[in-house]
Amino acid sequence: MHAPGIWGIIVVAVVVILLFGRGKIAGVMGEVASGIKSFQRGMRDEDNKPSARIDTESEKKDA
């Protein structure tokens, strides 16, 4: 198998734009971006929470 050339990529891009239009593609990309931002926020929040859980678990063992 060989990789698609520049003309193949251009043809696929033109077909996608004709099928969906620029407005829908922009909307989908906006939704993807907001999903990524939400995921990153969730990962940051989760990074802070495990340390609190570890502290409470160590306190239970000491008691």
Protein backbone atom coordinates (compact mmCIF):
# COMPACT_ATOMS: atom_id res chain seq x y z
CA MET A 1 0.00 0.00 0.00
CA HIS A 2 1.23 3.42 -0.78
CA ALA A 3 0.34 6.65 0.99
CA PRO A 4 -2.10 9.03 -0.69
CA GLY A 5 -0.48 11.82 -2.64
CA ILE A 6 -1.28 15.50 -2.47
CA TRP A 7 -3.95 15.16 -5.18
CA GLY A 8 -5.71 12.41 -3.26
CA ILE A 9 -5.79 14.52 -0.12
CA ILE A 10 -7.12 17.53 -2.07
CA VAL A 11 -9.88 15.46 -3.67
CA VAL A 12 -10.96 14.05 -0.30
CA ALA A 13 -10.96 17.55 1.24
CA VAL A 14 -13.08 18.95 -1.59
CA VAL A 15 -15.59 16.09 -1.29
CA VAL A 16 -15.86 16.58 2.49
CA ILE A 17 -16.40 20.33 2.08
CA LEU A 18 -19.05 19.74 -0.60
CA LEU A 19 -20.88 17.17 1.52
CA PHE A 20 -20.84 18.96 4.85
CA GLY A 21 -20.17 22.60 4.07
CA ARG A 22 -17.83 24.89 5.94
CA GLY A 23 -20.36 25.76 8.63
CA LYS A 24 -20.88 22.19 9.81
CA ILE A 25 -17.16 21.44 9.75
CA ALA A 26 -16.48 24.55 11.85
CA GLY A 27 -19.22 23.51 14.30
CA VAL A 28 -17.83 20.01 14.65
CA MET A 29 -14.31 21.34 15.22
CA GLY A 30 -15.65 23.71 17.89
CA GLU A 31 -17.36 20.80 19.66
CA VAL A 32 -14.17 18.73 19.50
CA ALA A 33 -12.17 21.63 20.95
CA SER A 34 -14.63 22.10 23.82
CA GLY A 35 -14.53 18.36 24.52
CA ILE A 36 -10.73 18.43 24.70
CA LYS A 37 -10.79 21.44 27.05
CA SER A 38 -13.34 19.71 29.27
CA PHE A 39 -11.20 16.56 29.36
CA GLN A 40 -8.12 18.58 30.30
CA ARG A 41 -10.03 20.33 33.10
CA GLY A 42 -11.19 16.96 34.38
CA MET A 43 -7.65 15.60 34.36
CA ARG A 44 -6.39 18.66 36.29
CA ASP A 45 -9.17 18.31 38.85
CA GLU A 46 -8.44 14.61 39.25
CA ASP A 47 -4.73 15.30 39.77
CA ASN A 48 -5.60 17.35 42.86
CA LYS A 49 -8.10 14.89 44.33
CA PRO A 50 -5.96 11.72 44.74
CA SER A 51 -3.59 13.44 47.16
CA ALA A 52 -6.55 14.22 49.43
CA ARG A 53 -7.70 10.60 49.23
CA ILE A 54 -4.23 9.34 50.10
CA ASP A 55 -4.11 11.61 53.16
CA THR A 56 -7.48 10.39 54.43
CA GLU A 57 -6.53 6.76 53.87
CA SER A 58 -3.27 7.20 55.80
CA GLU A 59 -5.20 8.86 58.63
CA LYS A 60 -7.56 5.87 58.82
CA LYS A 61 -4.61 3.48 59.10
CA ASP A 62 -3.11 5.52 61.94
CA ALA A 63 -6.35 5.49 63.92
